[in-house]
Amino acid sequence: MRRNYLAVLRAVANHGPCTHADLQVARPRVSLGLYLNTLVRDLRLIERRRAVFASDRQRRARYVVSDPFLLAWHRVIQPAFCAKSAP
């Protein structure tokens, strides 16, 4: 289960501001609702951003990583670290 949270976080970091549909394409076998709610509300690692005049119920929200250091880790450092440790 922890693997799915990390996969969703990595997908948001790699795709930039993305919608729920974009994430569903990136992670087709995973039901994202539970994971996104936990990452947004409980852990606050991801932000759900809406347009200025959009209502709370509108589905055009974009998900972004809230911490710039976490974003840098998933975009730059972690891929380079994995490439270096591969044989």
PDB file of N, CA and C in Angstrom:
ATOM      1  N   MET A   1       0.817  -1.188   0.000  1.00  0.00           N
ATOM      2  CA  MET A   1       0.000   0.000   0.000  1.00  0.00           C
ATOM      3  C   MET A   1       0.863   1.255   0.000  1.00  0.00           C
ATOM      4  N   ARG A   2       1.937   1.266   0.757  1.00  0.00           N
ATOM      5  CA  ARG A   2       2.836   2.416   0.796  1.00  0.00           C
ATOM      6  C   ARG A   2       3.427   2.689  -0.582  1.00  0.00           C
ATOM      7  N   ARG A   3       3.582   1.630  -1.349  1.00  0.00           N
ATOM      8  CA  ARG A   3       4.108   1.750  -2.697  1.00  0.00           C
ATOM      9  C   ARG A   3       3.178   2.588  -3.580  1.00  0.00           C
ATOM     10  N   ASN A   4       1.854   2.453  -3.374  1.00  0.00           N
ATOM     11  CA  ASN A   4       0.894   3.218  -4.169  1.00  0.00           C
ATOM     12  C   ASN A   4       0.944   4.705  -3.836  1.00  0.00           C
ATOM     13  N   TYR A   5       1.102   5.042  -2.569  1.00  0.00           N
ATOM     14  CA  TYR A   5       1.231   6.453  -2.198  1.00  0.00           C
ATOM     15  C   TYR A   5       2.460   7.062  -2.862  1.00  0.00           C
ATOM     16  N   LEU A   6       3.554   6.345  -2.829  1.00  0.00           N
ATOM     17  CA  LEU A   6       4.780   6.839  -3.450  1.00  0.00           C
ATOM     18  C   LEU A   6       4.618   6.946  -4.963  1.00  0.00           C
ATOM     19  N   ALA A   7       3.925   6.007  -5.580  1.00  0.00           N
ATOM     20  CA  ALA A   7       3.709   6.047  -7.025  1.00  0.00           C
ATOM     21  C   ALA A   7       2.840   7.240  -7.425  1.00  0.00           C
ATOM     22  N   VAL A   8       1.814   7.529  -6.641  1.00  0.00           N
ATOM     23  CA  VAL A   8       0.959   8.681  -6.931  1.00  0.00           C
ATOM     24  C   VAL A   8       1.744   9.968  -6.732  1.00  0.00           C
ATOM     25  N   LEU A   9       2.512  10.059  -5.676  1.00  0.00           N
ATOM     26  CA  LEU A   9       3.332  11.242  -5.428  1.00  0.00           C
ATOM     27  C   LEU A   9       4.355  11.437  -6.541  1.00  0.00           C
ATOM     28  N   ARG A  10       4.968  10.373  -6.982  1.00  0.00           N
ATOM     29  CA  ARG A  10       5.944  10.442  -8.074  1.00  0.00           C
ATOM     30  C   ARG A  10       5.269  10.870  -9.382  1.00  0.00           C
ATOM     31  N   ALA A  11       4.063  10.373  -9.639  1.00  0.00           N
ATOM     32  CA  ALA A  11       3.341  10.750 -10.862  1.00  0.00           C
ATOM     33  C   ALA A  11       2.996  12.238 -10.863  1.00  0.00           C
ATOM     34  N   VAL A  12       2.570  12.767  -9.720  1.00  0.00           N
ATOM     35  CA  VAL A  12       2.264  14.198  -9.631  1.00  0.00           C
ATOM     36  C   VAL A  12       3.535  15.019  -9.816  1.00  0.00           C
ATOM     37  N   ALA A  13       4.627  14.581  -9.235  1.00  0.00           N
ATOM     38  CA  ALA A  13       5.885  15.314  -9.367  1.00  0.00           C
ATOM     39  C   ALA A  13       6.393  15.305 -10.801  1.00  0.00           C
ATOM     40  N   ASN A  14       6.280  14.191 -11.480  1.00  0.00           N
ATOM     41  CA  ASN A  14       6.812  14.087 -12.839  1.00  0.00           C
ATOM     42  C   ASN A  14       5.932  14.738 -13.890  1.00  0.00           C
ATOM     43  N   HIS A  15       4.630  14.801 -13.664  1.00  0.00           N
ATOM     44  CA  HIS A  15       3.715  15.365 -14.658  1.00  0.00           C
ATOM     45  C   HIS A  15       3.416  16.834 -14.428  1.00  0.00           C
ATOM     46  N   GLY A  16       3.884  17.395 -13.338  1.00  0.00           N
ATOM     47  CA  GLY A  16       3.599  18.792 -13.058  1.00  0.00           C
ATOM     48  C   GLY A  16       2.148  18.971 -12.658  1.00  0.00           C
ATOM     49  N   PRO A  17       1.587  20.171 -12.819  1.00  0.00           N
ATOM     50  CA  PRO A  17       0.173  20.357 -12.482  1.00  0.00           C
ATOM     51  C   PRO A  17      -0.695  19.450 -13.363  1.00  0.00           C
ATOM     52  N   CYS A  18      -1.355  18.501 -12.760  1.00  0.00           N
ATOM     53  CA  CYS A  18      -2.122  17.539 -13.543  1.00  0.00           C
ATOM     54  C   CYS A  18      -3.489  17.297 -12.915  1.00  0.00           C
ATOM     55  N   THR A  19      -4.404  16.862 -13.742  1.00  0.00           N
ATOM     56  CA  THR A  19      -5.759  16.584 -13.292  1.00  0.00           C
ATOM     57  C   THR A  19      -5.853  15.147 -12.803  1.00  0.00           C
ATOM     58  N   HIS A  20      -6.999  14.826 -12.246  1.00  0.00           N
ATOM     59  CA  HIS A  20      -7.253  13.457 -11.804  1.00  0.00           C
ATOM     60  C   HIS A  20      -7.188  12.506 -13.000  1.00  0.00           C
ATOM     61  N   ALA A  21      -7.703  12.937 -14.153  1.00  0.00           N
ATOM     62  CA  ALA A  21      -7.675  12.099 -15.360  1.00  0.00           C
ATOM     63  C   ALA A  21      -6.248  11.837 -15.829  1.00  0.00           C
ATOM     64  N   ASP A  22      -5.380  12.843 -15.744  1.00  0.00           N
ATOM     65  CA  ASP A  22      -3.973  12.658 -16.116  1.00  0.00           C
ATOM     66  C   ASP A  22      -3.307  11.613 -15.227  1.00  0.00           C
ATOM     67  N   LEU A  23      -3.606  11.679 -13.946  1.00  0.00           N
ATOM     68  CA  LEU A  23      -3.029  10.713 -13.011  1.00  0.00           C
ATOM     69  C   LEU A  23      -3.590   9.313 -13.250  1.00  0.00           C
ATOM     70  N   GLN A  24      -4.850   9.227 -13.615  1.00  0.00           N
ATOM     71  CA  GLN A  24      -5.453   7.922 -13.868  1.00  0.00           C
ATOM     72  C   GLN A  24      -4.822   7.269 -15.083  1.00  0.00           C
ATOM     73  N   VAL A  25      -4.428   8.053 -16.071  1.00  0.00           N
ATOM     74  CA  VAL A  25      -3.715   7.509 -17.237  1.00  0.00           C
ATOM     75  C   VAL A  25      -2.338   7.015 -16.826  1.00  0.00           C
ATOM     76  N   ALA A  26      -1.673   7.767 -15.943  1.00  0.00           N
ATOM     77  CA  ALA A  26      -0.336   7.374 -15.491  1.00  0.00           C
ATOM     78  C   ALA A  26      -0.374   6.142 -14.593  1.00  0.00           C
ATOM     79  N   ARG A  27      -1.431   5.997 -13.794  1.00  0.00           N
ATOM     80  CA  ARG A  27      -1.579   4.866 -12.869  1.00  0.00           C
ATOM     81  C   ARG A  27      -2.927   4.184 -13.122  1.00  0.00           C
ATOM     82  N   PRO A  28      -3.070   3.429 -14.210  1.00  0.00           N
ATOM     83  CA  PRO A  28      -4.394   2.916 -14.599  1.00  0.00           C
ATOM     84  C   PRO A  28      -4.980   1.864 -13.664  1.00  0.00           C
ATOM     85  N   ARG A  29      -4.181   1.104 -12.974  1.00  0.00           N
ATOM     86  CA  ARG A  29      -4.700   0.013 -12.139  1.00  0.00           C
ATOM     87  C   ARG A  29      -4.962   0.419 -10.696  1.00  0.00           C
ATOM     88  N   VAL A  30      -4.746   1.677 -10.377  1.00  0.00           N
ATOM     89  CA  VAL A  30      -4.864   2.142  -9.000  1.00  0.00           C
ATOM     90  C   VAL A  30      -6.069   3.078  -8.881  1.00  0.00           C
ATOM     91  N   SER A  31      -6.897   2.847  -7.881  1.00  0.00           N
ATOM     92  CA  SER A  31      -7.988   3.759  -7.571  1.00  0.00           C
ATOM     93  C   SER A  31      -7.396   4.936  -6.797  1.00  0.00           C
ATOM     94  N   LEU A  32      -7.399   6.099  -7.397  1.00  0.00           N
ATOM     95  CA  LEU A  32      -6.634   7.227  -6.872  1.00  0.00           C
ATOM     96  C   LEU A  32      -7.331   8.031  -5.775  1.00  0.00           C
ATOM     97  N   GLY A  33      -8.625   7.924  -5.647  1.00  0.00           N
ATOM     98  CA  GLY A  33      -9.364   8.778  -4.714  1.00  0.00           C
ATOM     99  C   GLY A  33      -8.844   8.718  -3.293  1.00  0.00           C
ATOM    100  N   LEU A  34      -8.681   7.534  -2.756  1.00  0.00           N
ATOM    101  CA  LEU A  34      -8.192   7.366  -1.378  1.00  0.00           C
ATOM    102  C   LEU A  34      -6.782   7.911  -1.223  1.00  0.00           C
ATOM    103  N   TYR A  35      -5.924   7.599  -2.169  1.00  0.00           N
ATOM    104  CA  TYR A  35      -4.530   8.028  -2.078  1.00  0.00           C
ATOM    105  C   TYR A  35      -4.401   9.548  -2.202  1.00  0.00           C
ATOM    106  N   LEU A  36      -5.130  10.148  -3.146  1.00  0.00           N
ATOM    107  CA  LEU A  36      -5.074  11.598  -3.296  1.00  0.00           C
ATOM    108  C   LEU A  36      -5.624  12.312  -2.060  1.00  0.00           C
ATOM    109  N   ASN A  37      -6.725  11.822  -1.530  1.00  0.00           N
ATOM    110  CA  ASN A  37      -7.285  12.451  -0.324  1.00  0.00           C
ATOM    111  C   ASN A  37      -6.307  12.395   0.842  1.00  0.00           C
ATOM    112  N   THR A  38      -5.651  11.279   1.026  1.00  0.00           N
ATOM    113  CA  THR A  38      -4.676  11.163   2.113  1.00  0.00           C
ATOM    114  C   THR A  38      -3.478  12.070   1.879  1.00  0.00           C
ATOM    115  N   LEU A  39      -2.965  12.111   0.645  1.00  0.00           N
ATOM    116  CA  LEU A  39      -1.807  12.948   0.347  1.00  0.00           C
ATOM    117  C   LEU A  39      -2.141  14.432   0.426  1.00  0.00           C
ATOM    118  N   VAL A  40      -3.382  14.805   0.123  1.00  0.00           N
ATOM    119  CA  VAL A  40      -3.782  16.214   0.157  1.00  0.00           C
ATOM    120  C   VAL A  40      -4.185  16.640   1.563  1.00  0.00           C
ATOM    121  N   ARG A  41      -5.099  15.915   2.177  1.00  0.00           N
ATOM    122  CA  ARG A  41      -5.679  16.363   3.449  1.00  0.00           C
ATOM    123  C   ARG A  41      -4.851  15.992   4.667  1.00  0.00           C
ATOM    124  N   ASP A  42      -4.409  14.748   4.742  1.00  0.00           N
ATOM    125  CA  ASP A  42      -3.733  14.277   5.957  1.00  0.00           C
ATOM    126  C   ASP A  42      -2.236  14.590   5.952  1.00  0.00           C
ATOM    127  N   LEU A  43      -1.567  14.237   4.876  1.00  0.00           N
ATOM    128  CA  LEU A  43      -0.114  14.404   4.831  1.00  0.00           C
ATOM    129  C   LEU A  43       0.329  15.757   4.294  1.00  0.00           C
ATOM    130  N   ARG A  44      -0.518  16.412   3.531  1.00  0.00           N
ATOM    131  CA  ARG A  44      -0.247  17.723   2.928  1.00  0.00           C
ATOM    132  C   ARG A  44       1.010  17.737   2.073  1.00  0.00           C
ATOM    133  N   LEU A  45       1.254  16.645   1.374  1.00  0.00           N
ATOM    134  CA  LEU A  45       2.384  16.575   0.455  1.00  0.00           C
ATOM    135  C   LEU A  45       1.999  17.063  -0.938  1.00  0.00           C
ATOM    136  N   ILE A  46       0.708  17.023  -1.242  1.00  0.00           N
ATOM    137  CA  ILE A  46       0.180  17.463  -2.524  1.00  0.00           C
ATOM    138  C   ILE A  46      -0.881  18.519  -2.252  1.00  0.00           C
ATOM    139  N   GLU A  47      -0.930  19.523  -3.129  1.00  0.00           N
ATOM    140  CA  GLU A  47      -1.966  20.551  -3.038  1.00  0.00           C
ATOM    141  C   GLU A  47      -2.958  20.356  -4.172  1.00  0.00           C
ATOM    142  N   ARG A  48      -4.205  20.617  -3.872  1.00  0.00           N
ATOM    143  CA  ARG A  48      -5.249  20.597  -4.886  1.00  0.00           C
ATOM    144  C   ARG A  48      -5.575  22.048  -5.207  1.00  0.00           C
ATOM    145  N   ARG A  49      -5.209  22.491  -6.396  1.00  0.00           N
ATOM    146  CA  ARG A  49      -5.403  23.888  -6.779  1.00  0.00           C
ATOM    147  C   ARG A  49      -6.557  24.007  -7.766  1.00  0.00           C
ATOM    148  N   ARG A  50      -7.399  25.002  -7.501  1.00  0.00           N
ATOM    149  CA  ARG A  50      -8.526  25.284  -8.379  1.00  0.00           C
ATOM    150  C   ARG A  50      -8.384  26.704  -8.910  1.00  0.00           C
ATOM    151  N   ALA A  51      -9.126  27.001  -9.981  1.00  0.00           N
ATOM    152  CA  ALA A  51      -9.149  28.352 -10.516  1.00  0.00           C
ATOM    153  C   ALA A  51      -9.734  29.291  -9.459  1.00  0.00           C
ATOM    154  N   VAL A  52      -9.477  30.553  -9.588  1.00  0.00           N
ATOM    155  CA  VAL A  52      -9.863  31.522  -8.570  1.00  0.00           C
ATOM    156  C   VAL A  52     -11.371  31.517  -8.316  1.00  0.00           C
ATOM    157  N   PHE A  53     -12.168  31.505  -9.370  1.00  0.00           N
ATOM    158  CA  PHE A  53     -13.613  31.589  -9.213  1.00  0.00           C
ATOM    159  C   PHE A  53     -14.305  30.238  -9.311  1.00  0.00           C
ATOM    160  N   ALA A  54     -13.559  29.158  -9.235  1.00  0.00           N
ATOM    161  CA  ALA A  54     -14.157  27.827  -9.309  1.00  0.00           C
ATOM    162  C   ALA A  54     -14.783  27.460  -7.968  1.00  0.00           C
ATOM    163  N   SER A  55     -15.861  26.721  -8.033  1.00  0.00           N
ATOM    164  CA  SER A  55     -16.496  26.272  -6.796  1.00  0.00           C
ATOM    165  C   SER A  55     -15.745  25.062  -6.236  1.00  0.00           C
ATOM    166  N   ASP A  56     -16.033  24.722  -4.995  1.00  0.00           N
ATOM    167  CA  ASP A  56     -15.372  23.579  -4.367  1.00  0.00           C
ATOM    168  C   ASP A  56     -15.739  22.260  -5.038  1.00  0.00           C
ATOM    169  N   ARG A  57     -16.879  22.208  -5.652  1.00  0.00           N
ATOM    170  CA  ARG A  57     -17.341  20.968  -6.270  1.00  0.00           C
ATOM    171  C   ARG A  57     -16.857  20.804  -7.705  1.00  0.00           C
ATOM    172  N   GLN A  58     -16.292  21.828  -8.273  1.00  0.00           N
ATOM    173  CA  GLN A  58     -15.849  21.752  -9.656  1.00  0.00           C
ATOM    174  C   GLN A  58     -14.685  20.786  -9.784  1.00  0.00           C
ATOM    175  N   ARG A  59     -14.657  20.035 -10.861  1.00  0.00           N
ATOM    176  CA  ARG A  59     -13.678  18.968 -11.026  1.00  0.00           C
ATOM    177  C   ARG A  59     -12.459  19.361 -11.852  1.00  0.00           C
ATOM    178  N   ARG A  60     -12.230  20.616 -12.025  1.00  0.00           N
ATOM    179  CA  ARG A  60     -11.089  21.052 -12.834  1.00  0.00           C
ATOM    180  C   ARG A  60      -9.844  21.335 -11.995  1.00  0.00           C
ATOM    181  N   ALA A  61      -9.735  20.719 -10.880  1.00  0.00           N
ATOM    182  CA  ALA A  61      -8.599  20.952  -9.986  1.00  0.00           C
ATOM    183  C   ALA A  61      -7.331  20.344 -10.568  1.00  0.00           C
ATOM    184  N   ARG A  62      -6.228  20.941 -10.243  1.00  0.00           N
ATOM    185  CA  ARG A  62      -4.904  20.445 -10.627  1.00  0.00           C
ATOM    186  C   ARG A  62      -4.167  20.063  -9.353  1.00  0.00           C
ATOM    187  N   TYR A  63      -3.431  18.996  -9.419  1.00  0.00           N
ATOM    188  CA  TYR A  63      -2.657  18.527  -8.276  1.00  0.00           C
ATOM    189  C   TYR A  63      -1.189  18.853  -8.505  1.00  0.00           C
ATOM    190  N   VAL A  64      -0.547  19.412  -7.489  1.00  0.00           N
ATOM    191  CA  VAL A  64       0.874  19.754  -7.546  1.00  0.00           C
ATOM    192  C   VAL A  64       1.526  19.338  -6.231  1.00  0.00           C
ATOM    193  N   VAL A  65       2.816  19.086  -6.269  1.00  0.00           N
ATOM    194  CA  VAL A  65       3.573  18.775  -5.055  1.00  0.00           C
ATOM    195  C   VAL A  65       3.772  20.076  -4.291  1.00  0.00           C
ATOM    196  N   SER A  66       3.453  20.069  -3.007  1.00  0.00           N
ATOM    197  CA  SER A  66       3.466  21.310  -2.227  1.00  0.00           C
ATOM    198  C   SER A  66       4.856  21.732  -1.767  1.00  0.00           C
ATOM    199  N   ASP A  67       5.776  20.813  -1.605  1.00  0.00           N
ATOM    200  CA  ASP A  67       7.108  21.134  -1.102  1.00  0.00           C
ATOM    201  C   ASP A  67       8.108  21.155  -2.256  1.00  0.00           C
ATOM    202  N   PRO A  68       8.809  22.275  -2.486  1.00  0.00           N
ATOM    203  CA  PRO A  68       9.756  22.336  -3.600  1.00  0.00           C
ATOM    204  C   PRO A  68      10.932  21.359  -3.456  1.00  0.00           C
ATOM    205  N   PHE A  69      11.337  21.056  -2.244  1.00  0.00           N
ATOM    206  CA  PHE A  69      12.438  20.112  -2.061  1.00  0.00           C
ATOM    207  C   PHE A  69      12.000  18.687  -2.396  1.00  0.00           C
ATOM    208  N   LEU A  70      10.775  18.353  -2.041  1.00  0.00           N
ATOM    209  CA  LEU A  70      10.227  17.050  -2.400  1.00  0.00           C
ATOM    210  C   LEU A  70      10.059  16.933  -3.912  1.00  0.00           C
ATOM    211  N   LEU A  71       9.653  18.014  -4.544  1.00  0.00           N
ATOM    212  CA  LEU A  71       9.531  18.040  -5.999  1.00  0.00           C
ATOM    213  C   LEU A  71      10.899  17.840  -6.654  1.00  0.00           C
ATOM    214  N   ALA A  72      11.917  18.526  -6.153  1.00  0.00           N
ATOM    215  CA  ALA A  72      13.270  18.365  -6.691  1.00  0.00           C
ATOM    216  C   ALA A  72      13.783  16.948  -6.482  1.00  0.00           C
ATOM    217  N   TRP A  73      13.458  16.346  -5.353  1.00  0.00           N
ATOM    218  CA  TRP A  73      13.877  14.974  -5.102  1.00  0.00           C
ATOM    219  C   TRP A  73      13.308  14.024  -6.153  1.00  0.00           C
ATOM    220  N   HIS A  74      12.030  14.122  -6.414  1.00  0.00           N
ATOM    221  CA  HIS A  74      11.391  13.186  -7.334  1.00  0.00           C
ATOM    222  C   HIS A  74      11.718  13.465  -8.793  1.00  0.00           C
ATOM    223  N   ARG A  75      12.013  14.707  -9.133  1.00  0.00           N
ATOM    224  CA  ARG A  75      12.318  15.023 -10.535  1.00  0.00           C
ATOM    225  C   ARG A  75      13.792  14.850 -10.884  1.00  0.00           C
ATOM    226  N   VAL A  76      14.689  15.166  -9.962  1.00  0.00           N
ATOM    227  CA  VAL A  76      16.109  15.218 -10.304  1.00  0.00           C
ATOM    228  C   VAL A  76      16.947  14.208  -9.519  1.00  0.00           C
ATOM    229  N   ILE A  77      16.890  14.283  -8.215  1.00  0.00           N
ATOM    230  CA  ILE A  77      17.833  13.540  -7.384  1.00  0.00           C
ATOM    231  C   ILE A  77      17.552  12.040  -7.395  1.00  0.00           C
ATOM    232  N   GLN A  78      16.322  11.647  -7.177  1.00  0.00           N
ATOM    233  CA  GLN A  78      15.983  10.227  -7.103  1.00  0.00           C
ATOM    234  C   GLN A  78      16.249   9.490  -8.422  1.00  0.00           C
ATOM    235  N   PRO A  79      15.886  10.039  -9.605  1.00  0.00           N
ATOM    236  CA  PRO A  79      16.245   9.342 -10.854  1.00  0.00           C
ATOM    237  C   PRO A  79      17.749   9.227 -11.049  1.00  0.00           C
ATOM    238  N   ALA A  80      18.505  10.275 -10.695  1.00  0.00           N
ATOM    239  CA  ALA A  80      19.958  10.203 -10.832  1.00  0.00           C
ATOM    240  C   ALA A  80      20.553   9.203  -9.851  1.00  0.00           C
ATOM    241  N   PHE A  81      20.012   9.159  -8.648  1.00  0.00           N
ATOM    242  CA  PHE A  81      20.470   8.209  -7.643  1.00  0.00           C
ATOM    243  C   PHE A  81      20.216   6.771  -8.090  1.00  0.00           C
ATOM    244  N   CYS A  82      19.036   6.511  -8.660  1.00  0.00           N
ATOM    245  CA  CYS A  82      18.714   5.155  -9.132  1.00  0.00           C
ATOM    246  C   CYS A  82      19.574   4.775 -10.330  1.00  0.00           C
ATOM    247  N   ALA A  83      19.858   5.730 -11.207  1.00  0.00           N
ATOM    248  CA  ALA A  83      20.708   5.455 -12.365  1.00  0.00           C
ATOM    249  C   ALA A  83      22.132   5.149 -11.941  1.00  0.00           C
ATOM    250  N   LYS A  84      22.608   5.830 -10.908  1.00  0.00           N
ATOM    251  CA  LYS A  84      23.971   5.618 -10.421  1.00  0.00           C
ATOM    252  C   LYS A  84      24.103   4.262  -9.733  1.00  0.00           C
ATOM    253  N   SER A  85      23.072   3.845  -8.999  1.00  0.00           N
ATOM    254  CA  SER A  85      23.162   2.589  -8.263  1.00  0.00           C
ATOM    255  C   SER A  85      22.877   1.362  -9.127  1.00  0.00           C
ATOM    256  N   ALA A  86      22.352   1.578 -10.348  1.00  0.00           N
ATOM    257  CA  ALA A  86      22.098   0.431 -11.240  1.00  0.00           C
ATOM    258  C   ALA A  86      23.425  -0.071 -11.800  1.00  0.00           C
ATOM    259  N   PRO A  87      23.532  -1.384 -12.011  1.00  0.00           N
ATOM    260  CA  PRO A  87      24.812  -1.926 -12.509  1.00  0.00           C
ATOM    261  C   PRO A  87      25.107  -1.551 -13.927  1.00  0.00           C
TER     262      PRO A  87
END
